[in-house]
């Protein structure tokens, strides 16, 4: 296929920085541009110092659609705050139509704007990946939604009557702009729950489970953890009669046998083993008819930018691990 030309809207944020990091080493990517109005003219490393000397380029004030129209394989990653891409959608479409860009542009939106829109393909890579092959409009899942769906989808065959999930996330999940409740100094030595039983990612999870044939009451309590990167989720549920831990583990191993970036580990997974990588690690436990599945992943990696690159790979007909076979750091 032709070499890919990438444009990242909102390249100055954490998600944009991760996209720059992954795509700079991607063998199919020929060029990367990035927008950030408030940082226009500054080099990428001004916001992402770890990319100094590795990723060349400067932030642009606005997208250059005419330049993208010259590409044979243009790809757009929208890494804007929730709601911003949807606001500009109609204007962008008009410009793409004028330039002859609309029919060849592959779009991956990292925000929540189109995740429940049936006109977009939901980009949960490890569930029916064939849906993403050749897709032009992909809605990247939320970070919590990714973790919960990886934990729960294998259970759709058994359809437990109830599931309770707790999941802790790092401060980077709230983005680069701090607020009183998300700023790291106010949470570094604290631990709390938030949006209890009403987090916005529940809708994504419930829709996917229903599509898989399992409509289930979901009790989800997200938590704010004193770490920068990572998600650790624990799902608990009743097991079918006769299912012990060995059976539960074998069930998950079979379900994810062909999914390179999902690893089934002994005991509990560890967040630090996934930090900076595209991997999600799962562990299981069972006792007296009660089951638990634990998931660890990097909220900026498998939960965001790395999964977005996987989506691009599948959409363009590339092996999904292209540019992503890298371990994170250890210890985290």
Foldseek 3Di string as FASTA:
>chain_A
DAAEEEEEEPLLKLLNVLLQVLLLQFPRHDYYAYADQVFFPAWSCVRVVVCVPRGTDGHHNDDDVLVQLVDQAYEYEYPDEAPPCVVCVVVVVVVCVVSVNVVRYAYEYQHPHCCPPPVEAEQLCLPPVLVLAQGRHYYYAALVLNQVLLQPVLCLVVQFAAKEKEKEFELCSVMDDDDCVRPLVNPQPHKFWPCFQHDPNVVSNQVVSVVSVHHHDYGYIYMYHNHHWKMKMKMKGFADPPDAQVNVLVSSCVSCVPPVQEAEDEDADDQQFAPPALHKYKYKHDDDRMIMIMIMHTCSHVRGNVSSQLSVCNSHVHHSCRSGPDTGDPRD
